[in-house]
């Protein structure tokens, strides 16, 4: 039994060594323009109304490298689907990620064309260039009574419009 365990362990080490072949992985960096589409659901106190929100935007991203890090920034708008009046939220956003950890912030202005509320929305979660699943707590800056959301759970995906490989050059090349 002990011999079988040692043989399986050695086979596992050999497979792990071949599994880390650097020639087949793509370590290049990429620049891309994307359309982002997402869905958000509000969380918080159970006495408050739960909101369903559609998120659409345009963003630019820089990603790549051995561990898959990068950053993204863009503009967009959120549409609250379950509100009594038509409510939109134009926003600017940005985030950075490393491996599968995502952290960033948005500045959103919700309005129903009679009232408005400015909010800073830091977020954190998992994801990368193509998708992210985040918790978005709201820091309400103005008009705390307008659409009283404490935060959102957001799932969004990026659809690439243009993707370009970033060519690296040597710093002292003549």
N, C-alpha and C. Protein backbone atom coordinates (compact mmCIF):
# COMPACT_ATOMS: atom_id res chain seq x y z
N UNK A 1 0.83 -1.20 0.00
CA UNK A 1 0.00 0.00 0.00
C UNK A 1 0.87 1.26 0.00
N UNK A 2 1.93 1.22 0.80
CA UNK A 2 2.82 2.37 0.88
C UNK A 2 3.51 2.63 -0.46
N UNK A 3 3.87 1.56 -1.17
CA UNK A 3 4.52 1.69 -2.48
C UNK A 3 3.56 2.34 -3.48
N UNK A 4 2.30 1.95 -3.45
CA UNK A 4 1.31 2.53 -4.37
C UNK A 4 1.13 4.02 -4.12
N UNK A 5 1.10 4.42 -2.87
CA UNK A 5 0.95 5.84 -2.54
C UNK A 5 2.16 6.63 -3.04
N UNK A 6 3.37 6.08 -2.87
CA UNK A 6 4.58 6.75 -3.35
C UNK A 6 4.56 6.87 -4.87
N UNK A 7 4.15 5.81 -5.57
CA UNK A 7 4.08 5.85 -7.03
C UNK A 7 3.06 6.90 -7.49
N UNK A 8 1.88 6.93 -6.88
CA UNK A 8 0.87 7.93 -7.24
C UNK A 8 1.36 9.35 -6.95
N UNK A 9 2.08 9.53 -5.86
CA UNK A 9 2.63 10.84 -5.52
C UNK A 9 3.65 11.28 -6.57
N UNK A 10 4.54 10.38 -7.00
CA UNK A 10 5.54 10.72 -8.02
C UNK A 10 4.90 11.02 -9.37
N UNK A 11 3.87 10.25 -9.74
CA UNK A 11 3.15 10.53 -11.00
C UNK A 11 2.49 11.90 -10.92
N UNK A 12 1.93 12.22 -9.76
CA UNK A 12 1.31 13.54 -9.57
C UNK A 12 2.31 14.67 -9.70
N UNK A 13 3.52 14.48 -9.15
CA UNK A 13 4.56 15.51 -9.28
C UNK A 13 4.98 15.70 -10.73
N UNK A 14 5.09 14.60 -11.48
CA UNK A 14 5.47 14.70 -12.88
C UNK A 14 4.39 15.45 -13.66
N UNK A 15 3.13 15.11 -13.43
CA UNK A 15 2.04 15.79 -14.13
C UNK A 15 1.97 17.26 -13.76
N UNK A 16 2.21 17.60 -12.51
CA UNK A 16 2.20 18.99 -12.09
C UNK A 16 3.32 19.76 -12.78
N UNK A 17 4.47 19.14 -12.93
CA UNK A 17 5.59 19.79 -13.60
C UNK A 17 5.30 20.07 -15.06
N UNK A 18 4.67 19.14 -15.76
CA UNK A 18 4.32 19.37 -17.15
C UNK A 18 3.12 20.30 -17.29
N UNK A 19 2.28 20.37 -16.27
CA UNK A 19 1.11 21.25 -16.31
C UNK A 19 1.47 22.72 -16.23
N UNK A 20 2.68 23.05 -15.82
CA UNK A 20 3.10 24.44 -15.70
C UNK A 20 3.97 24.87 -16.88
N UNK A 21 3.68 24.36 -18.05
CA UNK A 21 4.45 24.68 -19.25
C UNK A 21 4.21 26.13 -19.66
N UNK A 22 5.25 26.94 -19.66
CA UNK A 22 5.12 28.37 -19.95
C UNK A 22 4.92 28.66 -21.44
N UNK A 23 5.24 27.73 -22.30
CA UNK A 23 5.16 28.00 -23.73
C UNK A 23 3.72 28.01 -24.23
N UNK A 24 2.81 27.35 -23.56
CA UNK A 24 1.44 27.28 -24.05
C UNK A 24 0.53 28.35 -23.47
N UNK A 25 0.91 28.98 -22.36
CA UNK A 25 0.07 30.02 -21.75
C UNK A 25 0.33 31.37 -22.40
N UNK A 26 -0.69 32.20 -22.41
CA UNK A 26 -0.58 33.54 -22.97
C UNK A 26 -0.37 34.53 -21.84
N UNK A 27 0.84 35.08 -21.75
CA UNK A 27 1.17 36.06 -20.71
C UNK A 27 1.11 37.49 -21.24
N UNK A 28 0.61 37.69 -22.43
CA UNK A 28 0.59 39.01 -23.04
C UNK A 28 -0.43 39.91 -22.36
N UNK A 29 -0.27 41.20 -22.57
CA UNK A 29 -1.22 42.19 -22.05
C UNK A 29 -2.11 42.66 -23.19
N UNK A 30 -3.36 42.98 -22.86
CA UNK A 30 -4.34 43.36 -23.86
C UNK A 30 -5.05 44.64 -23.46
N UNK A 31 -5.42 45.42 -24.48
CA UNK A 31 -6.26 46.60 -24.32
C UNK A 31 -7.57 46.28 -25.03
N UNK A 32 -8.70 46.57 -24.41
CA UNK A 32 -9.97 46.30 -25.08
C UNK A 32 -11.01 47.34 -24.74
N UNK A 33 -11.91 47.54 -25.70
CA UNK A 33 -13.10 48.36 -25.50
C UNK A 33 -14.28 47.40 -25.41
N UNK A 34 -15.14 47.62 -24.42
CA UNK A 34 -16.19 46.66 -24.12
C UNK A 34 -17.53 47.34 -23.90
N UNK A 35 -18.58 46.55 -24.09
CA UNK A 35 -19.91 46.93 -23.62
C UNK A 35 -20.18 46.06 -22.41
N UNK A 36 -20.51 46.69 -21.31
CA UNK A 36 -20.80 45.96 -20.08
C UNK A 36 -22.30 45.87 -19.85
N UNK A 37 -22.77 44.69 -19.51
CA UNK A 37 -24.19 44.46 -19.21
C UNK A 37 -24.25 43.74 -17.88
N UNK A 38 -25.14 44.22 -17.00
CA UNK A 38 -25.21 43.61 -15.68
C UNK A 38 -26.59 43.67 -15.06
N UNK A 39 -26.75 42.92 -13.99
CA UNK A 39 -27.98 42.89 -13.21
C UNK A 39 -27.61 43.06 -11.75
N UNK A 40 -28.36 43.90 -11.04
CA UNK A 40 -28.13 44.13 -9.62
C UNK A 40 -29.41 43.89 -8.85
N UNK A 41 -29.24 43.41 -7.62
CA UNK A 41 -30.37 43.18 -6.72
C UNK A 41 -30.02 43.84 -5.40
N UNK A 42 -30.96 44.61 -4.84
CA UNK A 42 -30.67 45.32 -3.60
C UNK A 42 -30.77 44.38 -2.41
N UNK A 43 -29.93 44.63 -1.43
CA UNK A 43 -30.00 43.91 -0.17
C UNK A 43 -30.10 44.93 0.94
N UNK A 44 -30.44 44.49 2.10
CA UNK A 44 -30.56 45.40 3.24
C UNK A 44 -31.69 44.96 4.15
N UNK A 45 -32.30 45.93 4.83
CA UNK A 45 -33.38 45.65 5.77
C UNK A 45 -34.57 45.06 5.03
N UNK A 46 -35.23 44.07 5.62
CA UNK A 46 -36.35 43.40 4.95
C UNK A 46 -37.59 44.27 4.86
N UNK A 47 -37.68 45.37 5.62
CA UNK A 47 -38.84 46.26 5.52
C UNK A 47 -38.75 47.18 4.32
N UNK A 48 -37.57 47.29 3.72
CA UNK A 48 -37.41 48.14 2.55
C UNK A 48 -37.80 47.38 1.29
N UNK A 49 -38.09 48.14 0.25
CA UNK A 49 -38.41 47.54 -1.04
C UNK A 49 -37.14 46.97 -1.67
N UNK A 50 -37.26 45.83 -2.31
CA UNK A 50 -36.13 45.25 -3.03
C UNK A 50 -36.16 45.75 -4.47
N UNK A 51 -35.01 46.18 -4.95
CA UNK A 51 -34.91 46.77 -6.29
C UNK A 51 -34.19 45.82 -7.23
N UNK A 52 -34.67 45.79 -8.48
CA UNK A 52 -34.02 45.06 -9.56
C UNK A 52 -33.49 46.10 -10.53
N UNK A 53 -32.20 46.02 -10.83
CA UNK A 53 -31.55 47.08 -11.59
C UNK A 53 -30.81 46.49 -12.79
N UNK A 54 -31.01 47.09 -13.95
CA UNK A 54 -30.29 46.74 -15.17
C UNK A 54 -29.15 47.74 -15.34
N UNK A 55 -27.96 47.24 -15.63
CA UNK A 55 -26.75 48.05 -15.71
C UNK A 55 -26.18 47.92 -17.12
N UNK A 56 -26.04 49.03 -17.84
CA UNK A 56 -25.47 49.03 -19.19
C UNK A 56 -24.41 50.11 -19.26
N UNK A 57 -23.27 49.80 -19.88
CA UNK A 57 -22.22 50.81 -19.97
C UNK A 57 -21.17 50.49 -21.02
N UNK A 58 -20.26 51.43 -21.19
CA UNK A 58 -19.13 51.30 -22.10
C UNK A 58 -17.86 51.47 -21.28
N UNK A 59 -16.88 50.58 -21.47
CA UNK A 59 -15.65 50.68 -20.68
C UNK A 59 -14.43 50.30 -21.50
N UNK A 60 -13.28 50.72 -21.00
CA UNK A 60 -11.98 50.36 -21.57
C UNK A 60 -11.21 49.61 -20.50
N UNK A 61 -10.46 48.60 -20.92
CA UNK A 61 -9.74 47.79 -19.95
C UNK A 61 -8.35 47.44 -20.44
N UNK A 62 -7.46 47.23 -19.48
CA UNK A 62 -6.09 46.79 -19.71
C UNK A 62 -5.87 45.58 -18.81
N UNK A 63 -5.63 44.41 -19.40
CA UNK A 63 -5.48 43.18 -18.63
C UNK A 63 -4.37 42.33 -19.21
N UNK A 64 -3.86 41.43 -18.37
CA UNK A 64 -2.89 40.47 -18.85
C UNK A 64 -1.85 40.14 -17.81
N UNK A 65 -0.79 39.51 -18.28
CA UNK A 65 0.30 39.14 -17.40
C UNK A 65 0.16 37.73 -16.87
N UNK A 66 1.16 37.32 -16.11
CA UNK A 66 1.21 35.96 -15.60
C UNK A 66 0.05 35.64 -14.65
N UNK A 67 -0.34 36.60 -13.81
CA UNK A 67 -1.37 36.34 -12.82
C UNK A 67 -2.70 37.01 -13.15
N UNK A 68 -2.85 37.58 -14.31
CA UNK A 68 -4.13 38.10 -14.75
C UNK A 68 -4.60 39.35 -14.05
N UNK A 69 -3.73 40.32 -13.88
CA UNK A 69 -4.14 41.58 -13.26
C UNK A 69 -4.52 42.61 -14.30
N UNK A 70 -5.17 43.67 -13.85
CA UNK A 70 -5.51 44.73 -14.77
C UNK A 70 -6.39 45.78 -14.15
N UNK A 71 -6.84 46.70 -15.02
CA UNK A 71 -7.73 47.76 -14.57
C UNK A 71 -8.75 48.05 -15.65
N UNK A 72 -9.85 48.69 -15.23
CA UNK A 72 -10.93 49.02 -16.15
C UNK A 72 -11.59 50.31 -15.68
N UNK A 73 -11.98 51.16 -16.61
CA UNK A 73 -12.72 52.38 -16.28
C UNK A 73 -13.77 52.60 -17.36
N UNK A 74 -14.85 53.30 -16.99
CA UNK A 74 -15.89 53.51 -17.98
C UNK A 74 -17.04 54.35 -17.48
N UNK A 75 -18.03 54.51 -18.36
CA UNK A 75 -19.25 55.23 -18.05
C UNK A 75 -20.43 54.31 -18.32
N UNK A 76 -21.56 54.61 -17.71
CA UNK A 76 -22.72 53.78 -17.93
C UNK A 76 -23.95 54.36 -17.28
N UNK A 77 -24.98 53.55 -17.22
CA UNK A 77 -26.22 53.97 -16.60
C UNK A 77 -26.92 52.75 -16.01
N UNK A 78 -27.55 52.97 -14.87
CA UNK A 78 -28.36 51.95 -14.24
C UNK A 78 -29.82 52.34 -14.40
N UNK A 79 -30.67 51.38 -14.69
CA UNK A 79 -32.11 51.60 -14.81
C UNK A 79 -32.78 50.73 -13.76
N UNK A 80 -33.50 51.38 -12.83
CA UNK A 80 -34.21 50.64 -11.79
C UNK A 80 -35.51 50.13 -12.37
N UNK A 81 -35.64 48.81 -12.48
CA UNK A 81 -36.79 48.21 -13.14
C UNK A 81 -38.01 48.11 -12.23
N UNK A 82 -37.82 48.06 -10.93
CA UNK A 82 -38.93 47.82 -10.02
C UNK A 82 -39.39 49.07 -9.26
N UNK A 83 -38.99 50.26 -9.70
CA UNK A 83 -39.40 51.50 -9.02
C UNK A 83 -40.78 51.93 -9.52
N UNK A 84 -41.44 52.78 -8.72
CA UNK A 84 -42.76 53.29 -9.11
C UNK A 84 -42.66 54.20 -10.34
N UNK A 85 -41.63 55.03 -10.40
CA UNK A 85 -41.39 55.91 -11.54
C UNK A 85 -40.15 55.42 -12.27
N UNK A 86 -40.00 55.86 -13.51
CA UNK A 86 -38.78 55.54 -14.25
C UNK A 86 -37.61 56.21 -13.54
N UNK A 87 -36.64 55.41 -13.13
CA UNK A 87 -35.48 55.92 -12.40
C UNK A 87 -34.22 55.44 -13.09
N UNK A 88 -33.33 56.39 -13.38
CA UNK A 88 -32.06 56.05 -14.01
C UNK A 88 -30.92 56.52 -13.12
N UNK A 89 -29.75 55.97 -13.35
CA UNK A 89 -28.58 56.34 -12.57
C UNK A 89 -27.34 56.42 -13.42
N UNK A 90 -27.08 57.58 -14.08
CA UNK A 90 -25.82 57.72 -14.81
C UNK A 90 -24.64 57.59 -13.86
N UNK A 91 -23.55 57.00 -14.34
CA UNK A 91 -22.42 56.74 -13.44
C UNK A 91 -21.10 56.73 -14.18
N UNK A 92 -20.03 56.92 -13.39
CA UNK A 92 -18.67 56.66 -13.85
C UNK A 92 -18.10 55.61 -12.90
N UNK A 93 -17.25 54.75 -13.42
CA UNK A 93 -16.75 53.66 -12.58
C UNK A 93 -15.33 53.29 -12.96
N UNK A 94 -14.68 52.62 -12.04
CA UNK A 94 -13.34 52.11 -12.27
C UNK A 94 -13.02 51.02 -11.27
N UNK A 95 -12.23 50.05 -11.68
CA UNK A 95 -11.80 49.01 -10.75
C UNK A 95 -10.47 48.45 -11.19
N UNK A 96 -9.83 47.77 -10.26
CA UNK A 96 -8.64 47.01 -10.59
C UNK A 96 -8.81 45.61 -10.03
N UNK A 97 -8.09 44.68 -10.64
CA UNK A 97 -8.19 43.30 -10.17
C UNK A 97 -6.81 42.65 -10.24
N UNK A 98 -6.66 41.64 -9.41
CA UNK A 98 -5.45 40.83 -9.42
C UNK A 98 -5.89 39.40 -9.19
N UNK A 99 -5.52 38.53 -10.06
CA UNK A 99 -6.01 37.15 -10.13
C UNK A 99 -7.53 37.17 -10.18
N UNK A 100 -8.23 36.86 -9.12
CA UNK A 100 -9.69 36.85 -9.16
C UNK A 100 -10.31 37.84 -8.18
N UNK A 101 -9.53 38.70 -7.54
CA UNK A 101 -10.03 39.68 -6.58
C UNK A 101 -10.29 41.00 -7.31
N UNK A 102 -11.48 41.57 -7.13
CA UNK A 102 -11.87 42.82 -7.78
C UNK A 102 -12.20 43.86 -6.71
N UNK A 103 -11.66 45.08 -6.88
CA UNK A 103 -12.00 46.20 -6.00
C UNK A 103 -12.09 47.47 -6.84
N UNK A 104 -13.10 48.29 -6.55
CA UNK A 104 -13.26 49.52 -7.30
C UNK A 104 -14.31 50.41 -6.70
N UNK A 105 -14.72 51.42 -7.47
CA UNK A 105 -15.73 52.37 -6.99
C UNK A 105 -16.50 52.94 -8.17
N UNK A 106 -17.72 53.39 -7.87
CA UNK A 106 -18.58 54.07 -8.83
C UNK A 106 -19.11 55.34 -8.19
N UNK A 107 -19.39 56.33 -9.00
CA UNK A 107 -20.08 57.53 -8.57
C UNK A 107 -21.37 57.58 -9.37
N UNK A 108 -22.52 57.41 -8.70
CA UNK A 108 -23.82 57.25 -9.35
C UNK A 108 -24.74 58.38 -8.91
N UNK A 109 -25.51 58.91 -9.86
CA UNK A 109 -26.55 59.89 -9.56
C UNK A 109 -27.89 59.30 -9.97
N UNK A 110 -28.68 58.84 -9.00
CA UNK A 110 -30.01 58.31 -9.29
C UNK A 110 -31.00 59.46 -9.40
N UNK A 111 -31.86 59.42 -10.42
CA UNK A 111 -32.87 60.46 -10.58
C UNK A 111 -34.14 59.87 -11.19
N UNK A 112 -35.29 60.43 -10.76
CA UNK A 112 -36.57 60.12 -11.41
C UNK A 112 -37.10 61.37 -12.11
N UNK A 113 -36.23 62.34 -12.34
CA UNK A 113 -36.48 63.61 -13.01
C UNK A 113 -37.25 64.60 -12.14
N UNK A 114 -37.56 64.25 -10.89
CA UNK A 114 -38.10 65.19 -9.90
C UNK A 114 -37.15 65.31 -8.72
N UNK A 115 -36.61 64.21 -8.26
CA UNK A 115 -35.64 64.15 -7.16
C UNK A 115 -34.38 63.46 -7.66
N UNK A 116 -33.30 63.62 -6.91
CA UNK A 116 -32.06 62.95 -7.27
C UNK A 116 -31.24 62.67 -6.02
N UNK A 117 -30.30 61.75 -6.15
CA UNK A 117 -29.44 61.37 -5.05
C UNK A 117 -28.06 60.98 -5.59
N UNK A 118 -27.02 61.59 -5.04
CA UNK A 118 -25.65 61.29 -5.42
C UNK A 118 -25.09 60.25 -4.46
N UNK A 119 -24.44 59.21 -4.99
CA UNK A 119 -23.92 58.12 -4.16
C UNK A 119 -22.53 57.70 -4.61
N UNK A 120 -21.70 57.44 -3.62
CA UNK A 120 -20.41 56.81 -3.85
C UNK A 120 -20.60 55.33 -3.54
N UNK A 121 -20.22 54.48 -4.48
CA UNK A 121 -20.46 53.05 -4.35
C UNK A 121 -19.14 52.29 -4.47
N UNK A 122 -18.45 52.04 -3.35
CA UNK A 122 -17.28 51.16 -3.42
C UNK A 122 -17.75 49.72 -3.61
N UNK A 123 -16.97 48.92 -4.31
CA UNK A 123 -17.38 47.51 -4.46
C UNK A 123 -16.17 46.60 -4.39
N UNK A 124 -16.45 45.36 -4.04
CA UNK A 124 -15.42 44.34 -3.94
C UNK A 124 -16.07 43.00 -4.22
N UNK A 125 -15.27 42.06 -4.74
CA UNK A 125 -15.81 40.74 -5.05
C UNK A 125 -14.82 39.92 -5.84
N UNK A 126 -15.38 39.06 -6.71
CA UNK A 126 -14.56 38.20 -7.55
C UNK A 126 -14.82 38.55 -9.01
N UNK A 127 -13.83 38.28 -9.86
CA UNK A 127 -14.03 38.53 -11.27
C UNK A 127 -12.73 38.83 -11.98
N UNK A 128 -12.87 39.42 -13.16
CA UNK A 128 -11.73 39.76 -13.99
C UNK A 128 -12.17 40.58 -15.18
N UNK A 129 -11.52 40.33 -16.33
CA UNK A 129 -11.79 41.13 -17.52
C UNK A 129 -13.20 40.89 -18.07
N UNK A 130 -13.68 39.68 -18.04
CA UNK A 130 -14.94 39.35 -18.70
C UNK A 130 -16.17 39.36 -17.79
N UNK A 131 -16.00 39.16 -16.50
CA UNK A 131 -17.17 39.16 -15.61
C UNK A 131 -16.75 39.61 -14.23
N UNK A 132 -17.74 40.01 -13.43
CA UNK A 132 -17.49 40.28 -12.02
C UNK A 132 -18.76 40.06 -11.23
N UNK A 133 -18.59 39.55 -10.03
CA UNK A 133 -19.67 39.35 -9.06
C UNK A 133 -19.25 40.10 -7.82
N UNK A 134 -19.97 41.18 -7.49
CA UNK A 134 -19.51 42.08 -6.44
C UNK A 134 -20.61 42.44 -5.46
N UNK A 135 -20.19 42.87 -4.27
CA UNK A 135 -21.06 43.49 -3.27
C UNK A 135 -20.82 44.98 -3.38
N UNK A 136 -21.91 45.76 -3.50
CA UNK A 136 -21.80 47.20 -3.72
C UNK A 136 -22.53 47.96 -2.61
N UNK A 137 -21.89 48.24 -1.49
CA UNK A 137 -22.55 49.06 -0.46
C UNK A 137 -22.62 50.52 -0.92
N UNK A 138 -23.73 51.18 -0.60
CA UNK A 138 -23.93 52.57 -1.03
C UNK A 138 -23.59 53.54 0.09
N UNK A 139 -22.81 54.56 -0.24
CA UNK A 139 -22.55 55.68 0.66
C UNK A 139 -23.36 56.84 0.08
N UNK A 140 -24.50 57.14 0.71
CA UNK A 140 -25.42 58.15 0.18
C UNK A 140 -24.89 59.53 0.57
N UNK A 141 -24.58 60.35 -0.43
CA UNK A 141 -24.01 61.67 -0.19
C UNK A 141 -25.11 62.72 -0.05
N UNK A 142 -26.11 62.68 -0.93
CA UNK A 142 -27.22 63.64 -0.87
C UNK A 142 -28.55 62.91 -0.94
N UNK A 143 -29.59 63.49 -0.33
CA UNK A 143 -30.97 63.01 -0.38
C UNK A 143 -31.10 61.55 0.03
N UNK A 144 -30.92 61.29 1.30
CA UNK A 144 -30.93 59.92 1.84
C UNK A 144 -32.28 59.23 1.72
N UNK A 145 -33.36 59.96 1.53
CA UNK A 145 -34.70 59.37 1.45
C UNK A 145 -35.08 58.92 0.05
N UNK A 146 -34.30 59.30 -0.96
CA UNK A 146 -34.62 58.94 -2.33
C UNK A 146 -34.10 57.54 -2.63
N UNK A 147 -34.97 56.62 -3.01
CA UNK A 147 -34.64 55.22 -3.31
C UNK A 147 -33.70 54.67 -2.24
N UNK A 148 -34.22 54.36 -1.06
CA UNK A 148 -33.35 54.00 0.08
C UNK A 148 -32.71 52.62 -0.05
N UNK A 149 -31.68 52.50 -0.87
CA UNK A 149 -30.95 51.24 -1.02
C UNK A 149 -29.71 51.28 -0.15
N UNK A 150 -29.48 50.23 0.62
CA UNK A 150 -28.24 50.13 1.40
C UNK A 150 -27.09 49.61 0.56
N UNK A 151 -27.40 48.79 -0.41
CA UNK A 151 -26.36 48.22 -1.25
C UNK A 151 -26.94 47.26 -2.26
N UNK A 152 -26.07 46.77 -3.13
CA UNK A 152 -26.48 45.89 -4.22
C UNK A 152 -25.54 44.70 -4.31
N UNK A 153 -26.07 43.60 -4.84
CA UNK A 153 -25.26 42.48 -5.30
C UNK A 153 -25.31 42.57 -6.81
N UNK A 154 -24.15 42.61 -7.46
CA UNK A 154 -24.08 42.87 -8.89
C UNK A 154 -23.37 41.74 -9.61
N UNK A 155 -23.95 41.31 -10.73
CA UNK A 155 -23.31 40.36 -11.64
C UNK A 155 -23.26 41.03 -13.00
N UNK A 156 -22.07 41.19 -13.56
CA UNK A 156 -21.96 41.85 -14.86
C UNK A 156 -20.96 41.12 -15.74
N UNK A 157 -21.18 41.24 -17.05
CA UNK A 157 -20.28 40.65 -18.04
C UNK A 157 -19.86 41.72 -19.03
N UNK A 158 -18.71 41.53 -19.64
CA UNK A 158 -18.19 42.43 -20.67
C UNK A 158 -18.22 41.73 -22.01
N UNK A 159 -18.74 42.41 -23.01
CA UNK A 159 -18.74 41.93 -24.38
C UNK A 159 -17.73 42.77 -25.15
N UNK A 160 -16.67 42.15 -25.62
CA UNK A 160 -15.57 42.89 -26.27
C UNK A 160 -15.99 43.41 -27.64
N UNK A 161 -15.73 44.70 -27.87
CA UNK A 161 -15.93 45.29 -29.19
C UNK A 161 -14.63 45.29 -29.97
N UNK A 162 -13.56 45.65 -29.30
CA UNK A 162 -12.24 45.74 -29.94
C UNK A 162 -11.21 45.30 -28.92
N UNK A 163 -10.38 44.36 -29.30
CA UNK A 163 -9.34 43.85 -28.40
C UNK A 163 -8.01 43.88 -29.14
N UNK A 164 -7.01 44.48 -28.50
CA UNK A 164 -5.72 44.63 -29.16
C UNK A 164 -4.62 44.19 -28.21
N UNK A 165 -3.68 43.42 -28.73
CA UNK A 165 -2.54 42.98 -27.94
C UNK A 165 -1.56 44.14 -27.80
N UNK A 166 -1.07 44.36 -26.59
CA UNK A 166 -0.10 45.42 -26.33
C UNK A 166 1.29 44.84 -26.57
N UNK A 167 1.98 45.39 -27.57
CA UNK A 167 3.33 44.93 -27.89
C UNK A 167 4.32 45.56 -26.93
N UNK A 168 5.16 44.74 -26.35
CA UNK A 168 6.18 45.24 -25.43
C UNK A 168 7.46 45.52 -26.19
N UNK A 169 8.12 46.61 -25.83
CA UNK A 169 9.41 46.95 -26.43
C UNK A 169 10.45 47.03 -25.33
N UNK A 170 11.68 46.75 -25.68
CA UNK A 170 12.77 46.85 -24.71
C UNK A 170 13.00 48.31 -24.37
N UNK A 171 13.25 48.64 -23.09
CA UNK A 171 13.39 50.05 -22.71
C UNK A 171 14.61 50.74 -23.30
N UNK A 172 15.72 50.05 -23.54
CA UNK A 172 16.94 50.68 -24.05
C UNK A 172 17.29 50.21 -25.45
N UNK A 173 16.29 49.83 -26.21
CA UNK A 173 16.54 49.32 -27.55
C UNK A 173 16.82 50.47 -28.50
N UNK A 174 17.90 50.36 -29.29
CA UNK A 174 18.29 51.43 -30.21
C UNK A 174 17.86 51.10 -31.61
